[in-house]
Amino acid sequence: MKTYLPKDYLSQRKWHIIDADGAVLGRLAVKIADLLRGKHKAVFTPHWDTGDFVVVVNAEKVRLTGNKEEQKTYMSYSGWRSGQKYRPVAEVREKHPDRLITHAVKGMIPKNRLGRQLMTKLKVYRGSEHPHQAQTPAVFALSN
């Protein structure tokens, strides 16, 4: 069986806008990762970027379940000895709420050049305003 290669897949790119207000972080990240990879399309090919652009608004209002709001931490490493920093979710949400969604989505896409290319199509904004009105993004409804 030969590998399927879609014809003219770049002309089928769309823009989706997702409102993260009240959405659960993990479930939201799965939907975003599927849209970025193009798994919702019939021309999906695992080794090609056939996905769409995704704009996420209201990132500061995303919801975490259970005790994650108090117990979950994000680790960063500076490269130096003893350079590890652990930040709780509350601190990350206060300073950079877009990183909550970006970090969750990044863990769900391939860890290679394709994954880095996919992440450039994700645009996350703290509030409800975004500069992508010219692309006429379609509202993507999250199913509860």
N, C-alpha and C. Protein backbone atom coordinates (compact mmCIF):
# COMPACT_ATOMS: atom_id res chain seq x y z
N MET A 1 0.83 -1.17 0.00
CA MET A 1 0.00 0.00 0.00
C MET A 1 0.88 1.24 0.00
N LYS A 2 0.57 2.19 -0.85
CA LYS A 2 1.36 3.41 -0.94
C LYS A 2 0.88 4.44 0.06
N THR A 3 1.78 5.33 0.44
CA THR A 3 1.44 6.40 1.36
C THR A 3 0.59 7.44 0.63
N TYR A 4 -0.51 7.84 1.26
CA TYR A 4 -1.39 8.83 0.67
C TYR A 4 -0.78 10.22 0.82
N LEU A 5 -0.68 10.96 -0.26
CA LEU A 5 -0.19 12.33 -0.24
C LEU A 5 -1.28 13.23 -0.78
N PRO A 6 -1.77 14.16 0.03
CA PRO A 6 -2.86 15.02 -0.43
C PRO A 6 -2.40 16.00 -1.49
N LYS A 7 -3.29 16.31 -2.41
CA LYS A 7 -3.01 17.28 -3.46
C LYS A 7 -3.52 18.64 -3.01
N ASP A 8 -2.69 19.63 -3.13
CA ASP A 8 -3.06 21.02 -2.86
C ASP A 8 -3.65 21.19 -1.46
N TYR A 9 -2.96 20.68 -0.45
CA TYR A 9 -3.47 20.73 0.91
C TYR A 9 -3.34 22.12 1.53
N LEU A 10 -2.45 22.97 1.00
CA LEU A 10 -2.25 24.28 1.61
C LEU A 10 -3.41 25.22 1.36
N SER A 11 -4.18 25.01 0.30
CA SER A 11 -5.29 25.91 0.00
C SER A 11 -6.48 25.65 0.91
N GLN A 12 -6.45 24.59 1.68
CA GLN A 12 -7.57 24.24 2.54
C GLN A 12 -7.39 24.72 3.98
N ARG A 13 -6.43 25.58 4.24
CA ARG A 13 -6.20 26.05 5.60
C ARG A 13 -7.31 27.02 6.01
N LYS A 14 -7.78 26.84 7.23
CA LYS A 14 -8.81 27.72 7.78
C LYS A 14 -8.31 28.30 9.09
N TRP A 15 -9.01 29.30 9.56
CA TRP A 15 -8.73 29.90 10.85
C TRP A 15 -9.89 29.60 11.77
N HIS A 16 -9.59 29.12 12.97
CA HIS A 16 -10.60 28.82 13.98
C HIS A 16 -10.35 29.70 15.18
N ILE A 17 -11.41 30.17 15.80
CA ILE A 17 -11.29 30.93 17.05
C ILE A 17 -12.00 30.14 18.14
N ILE A 18 -11.31 29.97 19.28
CA ILE A 18 -11.84 29.20 20.39
C ILE A 18 -11.87 30.09 21.62
N ASP A 19 -13.01 30.13 22.28
CA ASP A 19 -13.15 30.88 23.54
C ASP A 19 -12.87 29.92 24.70
N ALA A 20 -11.82 30.19 25.45
CA ALA A 20 -11.40 29.30 26.53
C ALA A 20 -12.10 29.61 27.85
N ASP A 21 -13.07 30.50 27.84
CA ASP A 21 -13.76 30.90 29.07
C ASP A 21 -14.52 29.71 29.66
N GLY A 22 -14.06 29.22 30.80
CA GLY A 22 -14.72 28.12 31.50
C GLY A 22 -14.39 26.75 30.96
N ALA A 23 -13.54 26.64 29.95
CA ALA A 23 -13.18 25.34 29.38
C ALA A 23 -12.12 24.67 30.25
N VAL A 24 -12.17 23.34 30.33
CA VAL A 24 -11.18 22.57 31.09
C VAL A 24 -9.90 22.51 30.25
N LEU A 25 -8.78 22.78 30.87
CA LEU A 25 -7.51 22.95 30.17
C LEU A 25 -7.14 21.73 29.31
N GLY A 26 -7.16 20.54 29.86
CA GLY A 26 -6.73 19.35 29.13
C GLY A 26 -7.63 19.04 27.94
N ARG A 27 -8.94 19.14 28.15
CA ARG A 27 -9.88 18.86 27.06
C ARG A 27 -9.79 19.90 25.96
N LEU A 28 -9.54 21.14 26.35
CA LEU A 28 -9.34 22.21 25.37
C LEU A 28 -8.07 21.97 24.56
N ALA A 29 -7.00 21.56 25.24
CA ALA A 29 -5.72 21.32 24.57
C ALA A 29 -5.82 20.19 23.55
N VAL A 30 -6.62 19.17 23.84
CA VAL A 30 -6.80 18.06 22.89
C VAL A 30 -7.46 18.56 21.61
N LYS A 31 -8.51 19.38 21.75
CA LYS A 31 -9.20 19.92 20.57
C LYS A 31 -8.27 20.80 19.75
N ILE A 32 -7.48 21.63 20.43
CA ILE A 32 -6.55 22.52 19.74
C ILE A 32 -5.49 21.71 19.00
N ALA A 33 -4.93 20.69 19.65
CA ALA A 33 -3.89 19.88 19.03
C ALA A 33 -4.43 19.15 17.80
N ASP A 34 -5.68 18.67 17.87
CA ASP A 34 -6.28 18.00 16.71
C ASP A 34 -6.47 18.97 15.55
N LEU A 35 -6.89 20.20 15.85
CA LEU A 35 -7.06 21.19 14.79
C LEU A 35 -5.72 21.58 14.17
N LEU A 36 -4.69 21.72 15.00
CA LEU A 36 -3.36 22.09 14.49
C LEU A 36 -2.78 20.99 13.60
N ARG A 37 -2.99 19.74 13.96
CA ARG A 37 -2.46 18.64 13.17
C ARG A 37 -3.28 18.35 11.93
N GLY A 38 -4.57 18.71 11.95
CA GLY A 38 -5.43 18.44 10.80
C GLY A 38 -6.13 17.11 10.89
N LYS A 39 -6.26 16.56 12.08
CA LYS A 39 -6.88 15.25 12.23
C LYS A 39 -8.37 15.26 11.92
N HIS A 40 -8.98 16.43 11.86
CA HIS A 40 -10.40 16.54 11.55
C HIS A 40 -10.66 16.55 10.05
N LYS A 41 -9.62 16.47 9.23
CA LYS A 41 -9.76 16.53 7.78
C LYS A 41 -9.58 15.16 7.15
N ALA A 42 -10.16 15.00 5.98
CA ALA A 42 -10.01 13.74 5.25
C ALA A 42 -8.62 13.61 4.64
N VAL A 43 -7.90 14.72 4.48
CA VAL A 43 -6.57 14.70 3.86
C VAL A 43 -5.47 14.60 4.91
N PHE A 44 -5.80 14.20 6.14
CA PHE A 44 -4.79 14.11 7.19
C PHE A 44 -3.69 13.14 6.80
N THR A 45 -2.46 13.61 6.92
CA THR A 45 -1.28 12.80 6.68
C THR A 45 -0.35 13.02 7.87
N PRO A 46 0.09 11.95 8.54
CA PRO A 46 0.85 12.11 9.79
C PRO A 46 2.16 12.89 9.65
N HIS A 47 2.80 12.82 8.49
CA HIS A 47 4.10 13.46 8.35
C HIS A 47 4.04 14.80 7.64
N TRP A 48 2.85 15.33 7.35
CA TRP A 48 2.68 16.64 6.72
C TRP A 48 1.85 17.54 7.60
N ASP A 49 2.10 18.83 7.45
CA ASP A 49 1.32 19.83 8.17
C ASP A 49 0.07 20.15 7.36
N THR A 50 -1.03 19.47 7.66
CA THR A 50 -2.29 19.70 6.95
C THR A 50 -3.31 20.39 7.84
N GLY A 51 -2.88 20.92 8.98
CA GLY A 51 -3.80 21.50 9.95
C GLY A 51 -4.16 22.94 9.68
N ASP A 52 -4.97 23.48 10.57
CA ASP A 52 -5.47 24.84 10.46
C ASP A 52 -4.83 25.73 11.51
N PHE A 53 -5.10 27.04 11.38
CA PHE A 53 -4.66 28.02 12.37
C PHE A 53 -5.69 28.07 13.48
N VAL A 54 -5.23 28.26 14.71
CA VAL A 54 -6.13 28.31 15.86
C VAL A 54 -5.81 29.57 16.68
N VAL A 55 -6.84 30.36 16.94
CA VAL A 55 -6.74 31.54 17.79
C VAL A 55 -7.53 31.26 19.06
N VAL A 56 -6.88 31.34 20.22
CA VAL A 56 -7.54 31.09 21.50
C VAL A 56 -7.63 32.42 22.24
N VAL A 57 -8.84 32.78 22.66
CA VAL A 57 -9.05 34.00 23.43
C VAL A 57 -9.52 33.64 24.84
N ASN A 58 -9.40 34.60 25.74
CA ASN A 58 -9.77 34.42 27.15
C ASN A 58 -8.98 33.30 27.82
N ALA A 59 -7.67 33.29 27.59
CA ALA A 59 -6.82 32.24 28.16
C ALA A 59 -6.76 32.33 29.68
N GLU A 60 -6.97 33.51 30.23
CA GLU A 60 -6.89 33.64 31.68
C GLU A 60 -8.08 33.02 32.40
N LYS A 61 -9.14 32.67 31.67
CA LYS A 61 -10.34 32.12 32.28
C LYS A 61 -10.46 30.61 32.11
N VAL A 62 -9.37 29.96 31.70
CA VAL A 62 -9.39 28.51 31.54
C VAL A 62 -9.49 27.86 32.93
N ARG A 63 -10.08 26.69 32.97
CA ARG A 63 -10.38 26.03 34.25
C ARG A 63 -9.52 24.79 34.42
N LEU A 64 -9.09 24.52 35.64
CA LEU A 64 -8.39 23.29 35.97
C LEU A 64 -9.26 22.51 36.94
N THR A 65 -9.26 21.19 36.82
CA THR A 65 -10.11 20.36 37.66
C THR A 65 -9.33 19.85 38.86
N GLY A 66 -10.06 19.40 39.83
CA GLY A 66 -9.45 18.80 41.02
C GLY A 66 -8.66 19.80 41.82
N ASN A 67 -7.54 19.35 42.37
CA ASN A 67 -6.68 20.20 43.19
C ASN A 67 -5.52 20.79 42.40
N LYS A 68 -5.60 20.76 41.08
CA LYS A 68 -4.47 21.23 40.27
C LYS A 68 -4.20 22.71 40.47
N GLU A 69 -5.23 23.48 40.76
CA GLU A 69 -5.04 24.92 40.96
C GLU A 69 -4.07 25.20 42.11
N GLU A 70 -4.06 24.35 43.14
CA GLU A 70 -3.16 24.55 44.28
C GLU A 70 -1.91 23.69 44.19
N GLN A 71 -1.99 22.51 43.58
CA GLN A 71 -0.88 21.55 43.66
C GLN A 71 0.01 21.50 42.42
N LYS A 72 -0.52 21.83 41.26
CA LYS A 72 0.26 21.71 40.02
C LYS A 72 1.31 22.80 39.94
N THR A 73 2.53 22.42 39.51
CA THR A 73 3.61 23.39 39.34
C THR A 73 4.22 23.22 37.96
N TYR A 74 4.81 24.31 37.47
CA TYR A 74 5.52 24.31 36.20
C TYR A 74 7.00 24.50 36.50
N MET A 75 7.84 23.65 35.90
CA MET A 75 9.27 23.70 36.15
C MET A 75 9.97 24.32 34.95
N SER A 76 10.93 25.19 35.22
CA SER A 76 11.80 25.73 34.18
C SER A 76 13.24 25.55 34.63
N TYR A 77 14.13 25.43 33.67
CA TYR A 77 15.53 25.18 33.98
C TYR A 77 16.38 26.15 33.19
N SER A 78 17.27 26.87 33.87
CA SER A 78 18.08 27.90 33.23
C SER A 78 19.31 27.33 32.53
N GLY A 79 19.68 26.11 32.85
CA GLY A 79 20.88 25.53 32.27
C GLY A 79 22.05 25.55 33.25
N TRP A 80 21.95 26.32 34.31
CA TRP A 80 22.98 26.40 35.31
C TRP A 80 22.68 25.42 36.43
N ARG A 81 23.72 25.13 37.24
CA ARG A 81 23.50 24.28 38.41
C ARG A 81 22.54 24.96 39.36
N SER A 82 21.65 24.20 39.93
CA SER A 82 20.61 24.71 40.83
C SER A 82 19.74 25.75 40.14
N GLY A 83 19.58 25.63 38.85
CA GLY A 83 18.82 26.61 38.08
C GLY A 83 17.38 26.22 37.85
N GLN A 84 16.88 25.26 38.62
CA GLN A 84 15.48 24.86 38.47
C GLN A 84 14.58 25.81 39.25
N LYS A 85 13.47 26.19 38.60
CA LYS A 85 12.47 27.02 39.27
C LYS A 85 11.13 26.34 39.13
N TYR A 86 10.41 26.29 40.20
CA TYR A 86 9.07 25.71 40.20
C TYR A 86 8.07 26.82 40.47
N ARG A 87 7.11 26.98 39.57
CA ARG A 87 6.10 28.03 39.72
C ARG A 87 4.72 27.39 39.81
N PRO A 88 3.91 27.80 40.77
CA PRO A 88 2.54 27.26 40.86
C PRO A 88 1.66 27.83 39.74
N VAL A 89 0.53 27.19 39.52
CA VAL A 89 -0.39 27.59 38.46
C VAL A 89 -0.87 29.03 38.67
N ALA A 90 -1.11 29.42 39.90
CA ALA A 90 -1.61 30.77 40.18
C ALA A 90 -0.64 31.84 39.70
N GLU A 91 0.67 31.61 39.89
CA GLU A 91 1.67 32.58 39.45
C GLU A 91 1.76 32.64 37.93
N VAL A 92 1.71 31.49 37.28
CA VAL A 92 1.76 31.45 35.82
C VAL A 92 0.51 32.10 35.24
N ARG A 93 -0.65 31.83 35.83
CA ARG A 93 -1.90 32.41 35.35
C ARG A 93 -1.90 33.93 35.50
N GLU A 94 -1.29 34.43 36.56
CA GLU A 94 -1.26 35.87 36.79
C GLU A 94 -0.36 36.59 35.80
N LYS A 95 0.84 36.04 35.57
CA LYS A 95 1.81 36.72 34.72
C LYS A 95 1.65 36.40 33.24
N HIS A 96 1.51 35.12 32.88
CA HIS A 96 1.43 34.70 31.49
C HIS A 96 0.37 33.61 31.33
N PRO A 97 -0.91 33.97 31.31
CA PRO A 97 -1.95 32.94 31.23
C PRO A 97 -1.95 32.18 29.90
N ASP A 98 -1.35 32.76 28.87
CA ASP A 98 -1.29 32.07 27.59
C ASP A 98 -0.37 30.85 27.66
N ARG A 99 0.57 30.84 28.57
CA ARG A 99 1.50 29.72 28.69
C ARG A 99 0.83 28.46 29.21
N LEU A 100 -0.26 28.60 29.96
CA LEU A 100 -0.98 27.42 30.42
C LEU A 100 -1.45 26.60 29.22
N ILE A 101 -2.07 27.26 28.27
CA ILE A 101 -2.61 26.57 27.09
C ILE A 101 -1.48 26.13 26.17
N THR A 102 -0.50 27.01 25.95
CA THR A 102 0.61 26.67 25.05
C THR A 102 1.38 25.45 25.55
N HIS A 103 1.62 25.37 26.86
CA HIS A 103 2.36 24.25 27.44
C HIS A 103 1.58 22.96 27.31
N ALA A 104 0.26 23.03 27.51
CA ALA A 104 -0.57 21.82 27.42
C ALA A 104 -0.64 21.31 25.98
N VAL A 105 -0.76 22.23 25.02
CA VAL A 105 -0.85 21.82 23.61
C VAL A 105 0.49 21.29 23.12
N LYS A 106 1.57 21.92 23.56
CA LYS A 106 2.90 21.50 23.12
C LYS A 106 3.21 20.06 23.52
N GLY A 107 2.65 19.62 24.63
CA GLY A 107 2.86 18.24 25.06
C GLY A 107 2.07 17.23 24.26
N MET A 108 1.13 17.69 23.43
CA MET A 108 0.27 16.79 22.67
C MET A 108 0.58 16.72 21.19
N ILE A 109 1.63 17.40 20.75
CA ILE A 109 2.00 17.35 19.34
C ILE A 109 3.37 16.69 19.21
N PRO A 110 3.77 16.30 17.99
CA PRO A 110 5.06 15.62 17.82
C PRO A 110 6.24 16.46 18.30
N LYS A 111 7.25 15.78 18.83
CA LYS A 111 8.44 16.46 19.33
C LYS A 111 9.52 16.44 18.25
N ASN A 112 9.29 17.15 17.16
CA ASN A 112 10.24 17.21 16.05
C ASN A 112 10.01 18.49 15.27
N ARG A 113 10.57 18.59 14.05
CA ARG A 113 10.41 19.79 13.24
C ARG A 113 8.96 20.06 12.90
N LEU A 114 8.21 19.00 12.68
CA LEU A 114 6.79 19.16 12.37
C LEU A 114 6.06 19.79 13.55
N GLY A 115 6.35 19.36 14.75
CA GLY A 115 5.72 19.92 15.93
C GLY A 115 6.04 21.39 16.13
N ARG A 116 7.29 21.77 15.86
CA ARG A 116 7.66 23.18 15.98
C ARG A 116 6.95 24.02 14.93
N GLN A 117 6.76 23.46 13.75
CA GLN A 117 6.02 24.16 12.69
C GLN A 117 4.55 24.30 13.06
N LEU A 118 3.98 23.28 13.67
CA LEU A 118 2.58 23.33 14.08
C LEU A 118 2.36 24.39 15.16
N MET A 119 3.29 24.54 16.08
CA MET A 119 3.12 25.50 17.16
C MET A 119 3.11 26.94 16.67
N THR A 120 3.66 27.21 15.49
CA THR A 120 3.62 28.58 14.96
C THR A 120 2.21 28.96 14.52
N LYS A 121 1.34 27.98 14.35
CA LYS A 121 -0.03 28.26 13.92
C LYS A 121 -0.98 28.45 15.09
N LEU A 122 -0.48 28.37 16.32
CA LEU A 122 -1.30 28.57 17.51
C LEU A 122 -1.08 29.99 18.03
N LYS A 123 -2.17 30.73 18.17
CA LYS A 123 -2.13 32.11 18.68
C LYS A 123 -3.02 32.16 19.92
N VAL A 124 -2.43 32.47 21.08
CA VAL A 124 -3.17 32.48 22.34
C VAL A 124 -3.12 33.89 22.91
N TYR A 125 -4.30 34.40 23.34
CA TYR A 125 -4.40 35.75 23.87
C TYR A 125 -5.09 35.74 25.22
N ARG A 126 -4.63 36.62 26.09
CA ARG A 126 -5.13 36.71 27.46
C ARG A 126 -6.59 37.11 27.50
N GLY A 127 -6.96 38.17 26.81
CA GLY A 127 -8.32 38.69 26.83
C GLY A 127 -9.13 38.24 25.62
N SER A 128 -10.19 39.00 25.35
CA SER A 128 -11.09 38.62 24.25
C SER A 128 -10.73 39.29 22.94
N GLU A 129 -9.75 40.20 22.92
CA GLU A 129 -9.35 40.86 21.68
C GLU A 129 -8.18 40.11 21.04
N HIS A 130 -8.18 40.10 19.71
CA HIS A 130 -7.08 39.50 18.97
C HIS A 130 -6.91 40.24 17.65
N PRO A 131 -5.69 40.27 17.08
CA PRO A 131 -5.44 41.03 15.85
C PRO A 131 -5.65 40.22 14.56
N HIS A 132 -6.47 39.18 14.58
CA HIS A 132 -6.62 38.32 13.40
C HIS A 132 -8.00 38.43 12.78
N GLN A 133 -8.62 39.61 12.86
CA GLN A 133 -9.95 39.79 12.27
C GLN A 133 -9.90 39.69 10.75
N ALA A 134 -8.79 40.08 10.13
CA ALA A 134 -8.69 40.07 8.67
C ALA A 134 -8.75 38.65 8.10
N GLN A 135 -8.38 37.65 8.89
CA GLN A 135 -8.40 36.27 8.43
C GLN A 135 -9.79 35.66 8.56
N THR A 136 -10.74 36.37 9.10
CA THR A 136 -12.12 35.93 9.33
C THR A 136 -12.17 34.53 9.95
N PRO A 137 -11.72 34.41 11.19
CA PRO A 137 -11.74 33.09 11.83
C PRO A 137 -13.17 32.65 12.14
N ALA A 138 -13.43 31.37 11.94
CA ALA A 138 -14.73 30.79 12.25
C ALA A 138 -14.73 30.33 13.71
N VAL A 139 -15.83 30.53 14.38
CA VAL A 139 -15.95 30.15 15.79
C VAL A 139 -16.04 28.63 15.87
N PHE A 140 -15.15 28.03 16.65
CA PHE A 140 -15.15 26.59 16.85
C PHE A 140 -15.86 26.31 18.16
N ALA A 141 -16.96 25.60 18.09
CA ALA A 141 -17.76 25.31 19.27
C ALA A 141 -17.21 24.10 19.99
N LEU A 142 -16.91 24.27 21.27
CA LEU A 142 -16.44 23.16 22.09
C LEU A 142 -17.66 22.39 22.61
N SER A 143 -17.67 21.09 22.43
CA SER A 143 -18.76 20.29 22.96
C SER A 143 -18.49 19.99 24.43
N ASN A 144 -19.51 20.08 25.25
CA ASN A 144 -19.33 19.88 26.69
C ASN A 144 -19.32 18.43 27.04
